[in-house]
C-alpha atoms as a PDB file:
ATOM      1  CA  MET A   1       0.716 -34.511  -5.883  1.00  0.00           C
ATOM      2  CA  THR A   2       0.258 -30.886  -6.887  1.00  0.00           C
ATOM      3  CA  PHE A   3       2.416 -29.125  -9.463  1.00  0.00           C
ATOM      4  CA  ILE A   4       2.447 -25.831  -7.499  1.00  0.00           C
ATOM      5  CA  THR A   5       5.318 -26.378  -5.086  1.00  0.00           C
ATOM      6  CA  ASN A   6       5.401 -22.833  -3.676  1.00  0.00           C
ATOM      7  CA  PRO A   7       1.782 -21.683  -3.303  1.00  0.00           C
ATOM      8  CA  LYS A   8       2.611 -18.386  -1.553  1.00  0.00           C
ATOM      9  CA  ASP A   9       4.741 -17.118  -4.416  1.00  0.00           C
ATOM     10  CA  PHE A  10       2.399 -18.578  -7.021  1.00  0.00           C
ATOM     11  CA  TRP A  11      -0.686 -16.788  -5.714  1.00  0.00           C
ATOM     12  CA  ALA A  12       1.270 -13.576  -5.078  1.00  0.00           C
ATOM     13  CA  GLY A  13       2.283 -13.668  -8.740  1.00  0.00           C
ATOM     14  CA  ILE A  14      -1.320 -14.221  -9.813  1.00  0.00           C
ATOM     15  CA  LEU A  15      -2.331 -11.234  -7.688  1.00  0.00           C
ATOM     16  CA  TYR A  16       0.340  -9.085  -9.375  1.00  0.00           C
ATOM     17  CA  ILE A  17      -0.944 -10.191 -12.766  1.00  0.00           C
ATOM     18  CA  ALA A  18      -4.529  -9.322 -11.761  1.00  0.00           C
ATOM     19  CA  PHE A  19      -3.549  -5.855 -10.509  1.00  0.00           C
ATOM     20  CA  GLY A  20      -1.445  -5.228 -13.608  1.00  0.00           C
ATOM     21  CA  THR A  21      -4.289  -6.252 -15.890  1.00  0.00           C
ATOM     22  CA  ALA A  22      -6.758  -4.069 -13.975  1.00  0.00           C
ATOM     23  CA  THR A  23      -4.372  -1.120 -14.207  1.00  0.00           C
ATOM     24  CA  ILE A  24      -4.046  -1.481 -17.963  1.00  0.00           C
ATOM     25  CA  VAL A  25      -7.807  -1.892 -18.440  1.00  0.00           C
ATOM     26  CA  ILE A  26      -8.530   1.238 -16.375  1.00  0.00           C
ATOM     27  CA  ALA A  27      -5.899   3.228 -18.302  1.00  0.00           C
ATOM     28  CA  LEU A  28      -7.171   2.212 -21.752  1.00  0.00           C
ATOM     29  CA  ASN A  29      -9.302   5.360 -22.061  1.00  0.00           C
ATOM     30  CA  TYR A  30      -6.375   7.675 -21.255  1.00  0.00           C
ATOM     31  CA  PRO A  31      -4.223   8.999 -24.090  1.00  0.00           C
ATOM     32  CA  LEU A  32      -0.861   7.236 -24.227  1.00  0.00           C
ATOM     33  CA  GLY A  33       1.332   9.932 -25.737  1.00  0.00           C
ATOM     34  CA  SER A  34       4.960   9.173 -26.519  1.00  0.00           C
ATOM     35  CA  ALA A  35       8.162   8.723 -24.549  1.00  0.00           C
ATOM     36  CA  GLY A  36       9.065  12.355 -25.232  1.00  0.00           C
ATOM     37  CA  ARG A  37       5.596  13.698 -24.413  1.00  0.00           C
ATOM     38  CA  MET A  38       3.893  11.275 -22.050  1.00  0.00           C
ATOM     39  CA  GLY A  39       0.143  11.291 -21.764  1.00  0.00           C
ATOM     40  CA  PRO A  40      -1.863  10.376 -18.650  1.00  0.00           C
ATOM     41  CA  GLY A  41      -2.066   6.739 -19.761  1.00  0.00           C
ATOM     42  CA  TYR A  42       1.672   6.235 -20.253  1.00  0.00           C
ATOM     43  CA  PHE A  43       2.690   5.556 -16.645  1.00  0.00           C
ATOM     44  CA  PRO A  44      -0.298   3.358 -15.666  1.00  0.00           C
ATOM     45  CA  ARG A  45       0.178   1.150 -18.723  1.00  0.00           C
ATOM     46  CA  GLY A  46       3.907   0.848 -18.087  1.00  0.00           C
ATOM     47  CA  LEU A  47       3.254   0.006 -14.452  1.00  0.00           C
ATOM     48  CA  GLY A  48       0.611  -2.536 -15.439  1.00  0.00           C
ATOM     49  CA  ILE A  49       2.979  -4.228 -17.881  1.00  0.00           C
ATOM     50  CA  LEU A  50       5.700  -4.306 -15.224  1.00  0.00           C
ATOM     51  CA  LEU A  51       3.317  -5.883 -12.700  1.00  0.00           C
ATOM     52  CA  ILE A  52       2.231  -8.531 -15.204  1.00  0.00           C
ATOM     53  CA  VAL A  53       5.845  -9.410 -16.066  1.00  0.00           C
ATOM     54  CA  LEU A  54       6.884  -9.601 -12.402  1.00  0.00           C
ATOM     55  CA  GLY A  55       3.788 -11.657 -11.574  1.00  0.00           C
ATOM     56  CA  ALA A  56       4.505 -14.092 -14.397  1.00  0.00           C
ATOM     57  CA  ILE A  57       8.120 -14.494 -13.285  1.00  0.00           C
ATOM     58  CA  LEU A  58       7.064 -15.032  -9.677  1.00  0.00           C
ATOM     59  CA  SER A  59       4.341 -17.534 -10.567  1.00  0.00           C
ATOM     60  CA  LEU A  60       6.512 -19.521 -12.977  1.00  0.00           C
ATOM     61  CA  ARG A  61       9.375 -19.562 -10.481  1.00  0.00           C
ATOM     62  CA  ALA A  62       6.959 -20.885  -7.856  1.00  0.00           C
ATOM     63  CA  LEU A  63       6.356 -23.964  -9.990  1.00  0.00           C
ATOM     64  CA  ARG A  64      10.030 -24.960  -9.695  1.00  0.00           C
ATOM     65  CA  MET A  65      10.938 -23.923  -6.143  1.00  0.00           C
ATOM     66  CA  LYS A  66       9.870 -25.621  -2.945  1.00  0.00           C
ATOM     67  CA  GLY A  67       7.870 -23.534  -0.477  1.00  0.00           C
ATOM     68  CA  THR A  68       5.602 -23.703   2.514  1.00  0.00           C
ATOM     69  CA  PRO A  69       1.876 -24.289   2.148  1.00  0.00           C
ATOM     70  CA  LEU A  70      -0.602 -21.484   2.628  1.00  0.00           C
ATOM     71  CA  ARG A  71      -1.965 -21.156   6.145  1.00  0.00           C
ATOM     72  CA  PHE A  72      -4.794 -18.844   7.056  1.00  0.00           C
ATOM     73  CA  GLY A  73      -4.565 -17.565  10.579  1.00  0.00           C
ATOM     74  CA  SER A  74      -6.579 -14.931  12.319  1.00  0.00           C
ATOM     75  CA  PHE A  75      -8.217 -12.119  10.390  1.00  0.00           C
ATOM     76  CA  LYS A  76      -7.844  -9.819  13.412  1.00  0.00           C
ATOM     77  CA  PRO A  77      -4.559  -8.181  12.239  1.00  0.00           C
ATOM     78  CA  LEU A  78      -5.998  -7.592   8.772  1.00  0.00           C
ATOM     79  CA  LEU A  79      -9.106  -5.952  10.207  1.00  0.00           C
ATOM     80  CA  ILE A  80      -7.013  -3.788  12.553  1.00  0.00           C
ATOM     81  CA  VAL A  81      -4.811  -2.524   9.703  1.00  0.00           C
ATOM     82  CA  ILE A  82      -7.807  -1.822   7.451  1.00  0.00           C
ATOM     83  CA  GLY A  83      -9.500  -0.106  10.389  1.00  0.00           C
ATOM     84  CA  SER A  84      -6.449   2.091  10.947  1.00  0.00           C
ATOM     85  CA  VAL A  85      -6.625   3.282   7.339  1.00  0.00           C
ATOM     86  CA  VAL A  86     -10.320   4.096   7.803  1.00  0.00           C
ATOM     87  CA  VAL A  87      -9.473   6.000  11.014  1.00  0.00           C
ATOM     88  CA  PHE A  88      -6.820   7.962   9.093  1.00  0.00           C
ATOM     89  CA  GLY A  89      -9.297   8.849   6.350  1.00  0.00           C
ATOM     90  CA  LEU A  90     -11.891  10.017   8.840  1.00  0.00           C
ATOM     91  CA  ALA A  91      -9.411  11.897  11.042  1.00  0.00           C
ATOM     92  CA  ALA A  92      -7.268  13.647   8.408  1.00  0.00           C
ATOM     93  CA  GLY A  93      -9.760  16.442   7.772  1.00  0.00           C
ATOM     94  CA  PRO A  94     -10.869  17.470  11.253  1.00  0.00           C
ATOM     95  CA  LEU A  95      -7.774  16.401  13.236  1.00  0.00           C
ATOM     96  CA  GLY A  96      -5.065  17.266  10.719  1.00  0.00           C
ATOM     97  CA  LEU A  97      -2.250  15.318   9.123  1.00  0.00           C
ATOM     98  CA  VAL A  98      -0.083  14.975  12.238  1.00  0.00           C
ATOM     99  CA  VAL A  99      -2.744  13.514  14.535  1.00  0.00           C
ATOM    100  CA  ALA A 100      -4.199  11.305  11.777  1.00  0.00           C
ATOM    101  CA  THR A 101      -0.759   9.866  10.969  1.00  0.00           C
ATOM    102  CA  VAL A 102      -0.009   9.203  14.637  1.00  0.00           C
ATOM    103  CA  LEU A 103      -3.370   7.419  14.974  1.00  0.00           C
ATOM    104  CA  LEU A 104      -2.723   5.408  11.806  1.00  0.00           C
ATOM    105  CA  VAL A 105       0.664   4.142  12.970  1.00  0.00           C
ATOM    106  CA  ILE A 106      -0.347   3.395  16.559  1.00  0.00           C
ATOM    107  CA  VAL A 107      -3.590   1.615  15.640  1.00  0.00           C
ATOM    108  CA  SER A 108      -1.952  -0.423  12.854  1.00  0.00           C
ATOM    109  CA  SER A 109       0.990  -1.286  15.136  1.00  0.00           C
ATOM    110  CA  ALA A 110      -1.481  -2.827  17.552  1.00  0.00           C
ATOM    111  CA  ALA A 111      -2.069  -5.573  14.967  1.00  0.00           C
ATOM    112  CA  SER A 112       1.346  -7.046  15.783  1.00  0.00           C
ATOM    113  CA  ASP A 113       1.939  -9.558  18.538  1.00  0.00           C
ATOM    114  CA  ASP A 114       5.118  -7.611  19.386  1.00  0.00           C
ATOM    115  CA  PHE A 115       3.316  -4.283  19.955  1.00  0.00           C
ATOM    116  CA  ARG A 116       5.191  -1.876  22.237  1.00  0.00           C
ATOM    117  CA  TRP A 117       3.802   1.563  23.068  1.00  0.00           C
ATOM    118  CA  LYS A 118       7.164   3.327  23.198  1.00  0.00           C
ATOM    119  CA  GLU A 119       8.236   2.113  19.746  1.00  0.00           C
ATOM    120  CA  ALA A 120       4.806   2.827  18.258  1.00  0.00           C
ATOM    121  CA  VAL A 121       4.751   6.402  19.576  1.00  0.00           C
ATOM    122  CA  ILE A 122       8.325   7.167  18.473  1.00  0.00           C
ATOM    123  CA  SER A 123       7.823   5.733  14.993  1.00  0.00           C
ATOM    124  CA  SER A 124       4.458   7.480  14.622  1.00  0.00           C
ATOM    125  CA  LEU A 125       5.971  10.861  15.506  1.00  0.00           C
ATOM    126  CA  LEU A 126       8.860  10.356  13.078  1.00  0.00           C
ATOM    127  CA  LEU A 127       6.490   9.273  10.314  1.00  0.00           C
ATOM    128  CA  ALA A 128       4.151  12.202  11.045  1.00  0.00           C
ATOM    129  CA  GLY A 129       7.081  14.599  10.694  1.00  0.00           C
ATOM    130  CA  PHE A 130       8.136  13.023   7.410  1.00  0.00           C
ATOM    131  CA  THR A 131       4.531  13.067   6.165  1.00  0.00           C
ATOM    132  CA  VAL A 132       4.179  16.775   6.879  1.00  0.00           C
ATOM    133  CA  LEU A 133       7.504  17.552   5.188  1.00  0.00           C
ATOM    134  CA  ALA A 134       6.716  15.422   2.135  1.00  0.00           C
ATOM    135  CA  PHE A 135       3.048  16.185   1.542  1.00  0.00           C
ATOM    136  CA  ALA A 136       2.379  19.596   3.066  1.00  0.00           C
ATOM    137  CA  TYR A 137       5.673  21.333   2.251  1.00  0.00           C
ATOM    138  CA  GLY A 138       7.244  19.222  -0.513  1.00  0.00           C
ATOM    139  CA  LEU A 139       4.159  18.509  -2.622  1.00  0.00           C
ATOM    140  CA  LYS A 140       2.189  21.482  -1.259  1.00  0.00           C
ATOM    141  CA  LEU A 141      -1.008  19.469  -0.808  1.00  0.00           C
ATOM    142  CA  GLN A 142      -3.862  21.376   0.756  1.00  0.00           C
ATOM    143  CA  LEU A 143      -4.235  19.258   3.870  1.00  0.00           C
ATOM    144  CA  PRO A 144      -4.644  20.653   7.377  1.00  0.00           C
ATOM    145  CA  ILE A 145      -1.518  19.917   9.397  1.00  0.00           C
ATOM    146  CA  TRP A 146      -3.031  20.484  12.838  1.00  0.00           C
ATOM    147  CA  PRO A 147      -6.582  20.022  14.162  1.00  0.00           C
ATOM    148  CA  THR A 148      -8.982  22.730  13.013  1.00  0.00           C
ATOM    149  CA  PHE A 149      -9.865  23.694  16.598  1.00  0.00           C
ATOM    150  CA  VAL A 150      -6.157  24.392  17.423  1.00  0.00           C
ATOM    151  CA  VAL A 151      -5.334  26.637  14.463  1.00  0.00           C
END
C-alpha cells in the first residue's frame, strides 16, 4: 500500500515547489531591495517562496486525503493547446493582436470534446477586445492591433 493517497494533489504540489525553487534560483542575481524600495528580485523571490509554501501544503495535505489515481489519457489536447500558443506567437506580429488572439482561442478550444464553433467565436472576440484594451491601450505595449496589410 502506498502512502500517497491523493497522487494528483501530491504531484501538483511537487510541481509548485519545483517552479518556486526555479524562480528563486533565477532571481538570485537580481538585487532584492527593501519593502519600501523594491528591487527587481523582490517580487520573483516572494512569488517563489509563495509557490514553495503552497506546494508544500498541497503535497502534505495529499498524504492525508483520499483521491483518485493518476490516469494519462491522450496527448492530443495538450499538443493542440501548445500548438495554439505557437500559432499566436507566429501570428501576433504580421496578423496583429486581434487576429492572433482569435486564432489562439479558437484553436485551443478545439482541444475540448465539447467544442462548439459559435461559443469559440464569441469568446474569442470578447477576449480579443479585452486583450486590445488591456495590452495596447492600458499597458501601451507596442504591438500591432490589426494585420500589417490592412493598416
